[in-house]
Structures are given as structure tokens and as C-alpha cells.
Amino acid sequence: MTRVLIVDDDPSTLASISRAFRLAGHEAVVCDNAAR
């Protein structure tokens, strides 16, 4: 399993992209700003 970091300030974009990666079998780690 590949771990993917997704950073975006739009919650709906984070949800959509992370769902796509999870459905593809990857672990999606999301963050809503670069400081975190």
C-alpha cells in the first residue's frame, strides 16, 4: 500500500481526491493547510 499526502484548502476537493486514492487501494493522508 502506498501512502499519499494530499494538501488542499477546499474540503470537498480533499474528500474527493482522498476517496479516489482509497478506492484504488492507497492510504490517503489529508491536510487542509501546509503548516500542518
PDB file of N, CA and C in Angstrom:
ATOM      1  N   MET A   1       0.851  -1.180   0.000  1.00  0.00           N
ATOM      2  CA  MET A   1       0.000   0.000   0.000  1.00  0.00           C
ATOM      3  C   MET A   1       0.893   1.238   0.000  1.00  0.00           C
ATOM      4  N   THR A   2       0.570   2.169  -0.837  1.00  0.00           N
ATOM      5  CA  THR A   2       1.295   3.430  -0.933  1.00  0.00           C
ATOM      6  C   THR A   2       0.586   4.487  -0.103  1.00  0.00           C
ATOM      7  N   ARG A   3       1.349   5.270   0.626  1.00  0.00           N
ATOM      8  CA  ARG A   3       0.783   6.370   1.407  1.00  0.00           C
ATOM      9  C   ARG A   3       0.914   7.652   0.585  1.00  0.00           C
ATOM     10  N   VAL A   4      -0.199   8.380   0.460  1.00  0.00           N
ATOM     11  CA  VAL A   4      -0.247   9.599  -0.347  1.00  0.00           C
ATOM     12  C   VAL A   4      -0.661  10.760   0.547  1.00  0.00           C
ATOM     13  N   LEU A   5       0.084  11.861   0.492  1.00  0.00           N
ATOM     14  CA  LEU A   5      -0.265  13.075   1.229  1.00  0.00           C
ATOM     15  C   LEU A   5      -0.960  14.035   0.276  1.00  0.00           C
ATOM     16  N   ILE A   6      -2.157  14.464   0.671  1.00  0.00           N
ATOM     17  CA  ILE A   6      -2.945  15.389  -0.147  1.00  0.00           C
ATOM     18  C   ILE A   6      -3.148  16.670   0.656  1.00  0.00           C
ATOM     19  N   VAL A   7      -2.722  17.795   0.099  1.00  0.00           N
ATOM     20  CA  VAL A   7      -2.874  19.094   0.758  1.00  0.00           C
ATOM     21  C   VAL A   7      -3.707  19.992  -0.146  1.00  0.00           C
ATOM     22  N   ASP A   8      -4.816  20.485   0.400  1.00  0.00           N
ATOM     23  CA  ASP A   8      -5.675  21.410  -0.341  1.00  0.00           C
ATOM     24  C   ASP A   8      -6.532  22.150   0.671  1.00  0.00           C
ATOM     25  N   ASP A   9      -6.885  23.380   0.384  1.00  0.00           N
ATOM     26  CA  ASP A   9      -7.688  24.154   1.327  1.00  0.00           C
ATOM     27  C   ASP A   9      -9.192  23.998   1.107  1.00  0.00           C
ATOM     28  N   ASP A  10      -9.583  23.235   0.119  1.00  0.00           N
ATOM     29  CA  ASP A  10     -11.001  23.008  -0.166  1.00  0.00           C
ATOM     30  C   ASP A  10     -11.415  21.631   0.358  1.00  0.00           C
ATOM     31  N   PRO A  11     -12.281  21.586   1.374  1.00  0.00           N
ATOM     32  CA  PRO A  11     -12.668  20.308   1.972  1.00  0.00           C
ATOM     33  C   PRO A  11     -13.292  19.316   0.989  1.00  0.00           C
ATOM     34  N   SER A  12     -14.076  19.801   0.044  1.00  0.00           N
ATOM     35  CA  SER A  12     -14.708  18.872  -0.900  1.00  0.00           C
ATOM     36  C   SER A  12     -13.676  18.271  -1.856  1.00  0.00           C
ATOM     37  N   THR A  13     -12.674  19.042  -2.213  1.00  0.00           N
ATOM     38  CA  THR A  13     -11.600  18.511  -3.054  1.00  0.00           C
ATOM     39  C   THR A  13     -10.815  17.452  -2.299  1.00  0.00           C
ATOM     40  N   LEU A  14     -10.503  17.731  -1.033  1.00  0.00           N
ATOM     41  CA  LEU A  14      -9.800  16.749  -0.207  1.00  0.00           C
ATOM     42  C   LEU A  14     -10.593  15.445  -0.121  1.00  0.00           C
ATOM     43  N   ALA A  15     -11.880  15.557   0.108  1.00  0.00           N
ATOM     44  CA  ALA A  15     -12.715  14.369   0.234  1.00  0.00           C
ATOM     45  C   ALA A  15     -12.752  13.573  -1.066  1.00  0.00           C
ATOM     46  N   SER A  16     -12.914  14.252  -2.175  1.00  0.00           N
ATOM     47  CA  SER A  16     -12.994  13.566  -3.472  1.00  0.00           C
ATOM     48  C   SER A  16     -11.694  12.870  -3.840  1.00  0.00           C
ATOM     49  N   ILE A  17     -10.589  13.594  -3.699  1.00  0.00           N
ATOM     50  CA  ILE A  17      -9.300  13.019  -4.078  1.00  0.00           C
ATOM     51  C   ILE A  17      -8.913  11.885  -3.133  1.00  0.00           C
ATOM     52  N   SER A  18      -9.114  12.079  -1.832  1.00  0.00           N
ATOM     53  CA  SER A  18      -8.749  11.023  -0.887  1.00  0.00           C
ATOM     54  C   SER A  18      -9.597   9.777  -1.105  1.00  0.00           C
ATOM     55  N   ARG A  19     -10.855   9.947  -1.420  1.00  0.00           N
ATOM     56  CA  ARG A  19     -11.721   8.794  -1.693  1.00  0.00           C
ATOM     57  C   ARG A  19     -11.229   8.027  -2.915  1.00  0.00           C
ATOM     58  N   ALA A  20     -10.850   8.748  -3.947  1.00  0.00           N
ATOM     59  CA  ALA A  20     -10.350   8.101  -5.165  1.00  0.00           C
ATOM     60  C   ALA A  20      -9.094   7.285  -4.876  1.00  0.00           C
ATOM     61  N   PHE A  21      -8.170   7.845  -4.098  1.00  0.00           N
ATOM     62  CA  PHE A  21      -6.949   7.109  -3.767  1.00  0.00           C
ATOM     63  C   PHE A  21      -7.246   5.896  -2.891  1.00  0.00           C
ATOM     64  N   ARG A  22      -8.160   6.054  -1.930  1.00  0.00           N
ATOM     65  CA  ARG A  22      -8.506   4.925  -1.055  1.00  0.00           C
ATOM     66  C   ARG A  22      -9.173   3.801  -1.850  1.00  0.00           C
ATOM     67  N   LEU A  23     -10.046   4.153  -2.772  1.00  0.00           N
ATOM     68  CA  LEU A  23     -10.692   3.139  -3.607  1.00  0.00           C
ATOM     69  C   LEU A  23      -9.689   2.418  -4.496  1.00  0.00           C
ATOM     70  N   ALA A  24      -8.596   3.094  -4.820  1.00  0.00           N
ATOM     71  CA  ALA A  24      -7.542   2.485  -5.635  1.00  0.00           C
ATOM     72  C   ALA A  24      -6.584   1.653  -4.784  1.00  0.00           C
ATOM     73  N   GLY A  25      -6.845   1.600  -3.468  1.00  0.00           N
ATOM     74  CA  GLY A  25      -6.041   0.755  -2.595  1.00  0.00           C
ATOM     75  C   GLY A  25      -4.876   1.443  -1.912  1.00  0.00           C
ATOM     76  N   HIS A  26      -4.875   2.771  -1.908  1.00  0.00           N
ATOM     77  CA  HIS A  26      -3.788   3.517  -1.278  1.00  0.00           C
ATOM     78  C   HIS A  26      -4.263   4.117   0.039  1.00  0.00           C
ATOM     79  N   GLU A  27      -3.308   4.466   0.889  1.00  0.00           N
ATOM     80  CA  GLU A  27      -3.625   5.167   2.126  1.00  0.00           C
ATOM     81  C   GLU A  27      -3.514   6.660   1.852  1.00  0.00           C
ATOM     82  N   ALA A  28      -4.595   7.395   2.054  1.00  0.00           N
ATOM     83  CA  ALA A  28      -4.601   8.833   1.793  1.00  0.00           C
ATOM     84  C   ALA A  28      -4.559   9.594   3.112  1.00  0.00           C
ATOM     85  N   VAL A  29      -3.547  10.428   3.266  1.00  0.00           N
ATOM     86  CA  VAL A  29      -3.422  11.306   4.421  1.00  0.00           C
ATOM     87  C   VAL A  29      -3.753  12.705   3.930  1.00  0.00           C
ATOM     88  N   VAL A  30      -4.743  13.344   4.557  1.00  0.00           N
ATOM     89  CA  VAL A  30      -5.179  14.653   4.076  1.00  0.00           C
ATOM     90  C   VAL A  30      -4.815  15.754   5.063  1.00  0.00           C
ATOM     91  N   CYS A  31      -4.610  16.941   4.525  1.00  0.00           N
ATOM     92  CA  CYS A  31      -4.270  18.116   5.322  1.00  0.00           C
ATOM     93  C   CYS A  31      -4.888  19.334   4.639  1.00  0.00           C
ATOM     94  N   ASP A  32      -5.491  20.216   5.445  1.00  0.00           N
ATOM     95  CA  ASP A  32      -6.151  21.371   4.839  1.00  0.00           C
ATOM     96  C   ASP A  32      -5.275  22.624   4.777  1.00  0.00           C
ATOM     97  N   ASN A  33      -4.027  22.509   5.243  1.00  0.00           N
ATOM     98  CA  ASN A  33      -3.070  23.608   5.049  1.00  0.00           C
ATOM     99  C   ASN A  33      -1.651  23.073   5.173  1.00  0.00           C
ATOM    100  N   ALA A  34      -0.724  23.770   4.582  1.00  0.00           N
ATOM    101  CA  ALA A  34       0.661  23.290   4.528  1.00  0.00           C
ATOM    102  C   ALA A  34       1.361  23.358   5.883  1.00  0.00           C
ATOM    103  N   ALA A  35       0.890  24.183   6.788  1.00  0.00           N
ATOM    104  CA  ALA A  35       1.528  24.325   8.097  1.00  0.00           C
ATOM    105  C   ALA A  35       1.393  23.067   8.946  1.00  0.00           C
ATOM    106  N   ARG A  36       0.374  22.289   8.715  1.00  0.00           N
ATOM    107  CA  ARG A  36       0.172  21.063   9.496  1.00  0.00           C
ATOM    108  C   ARG A  36       1.097  20.010   8.987  1.00  0.00           C
TER     109      ARG A  36
END
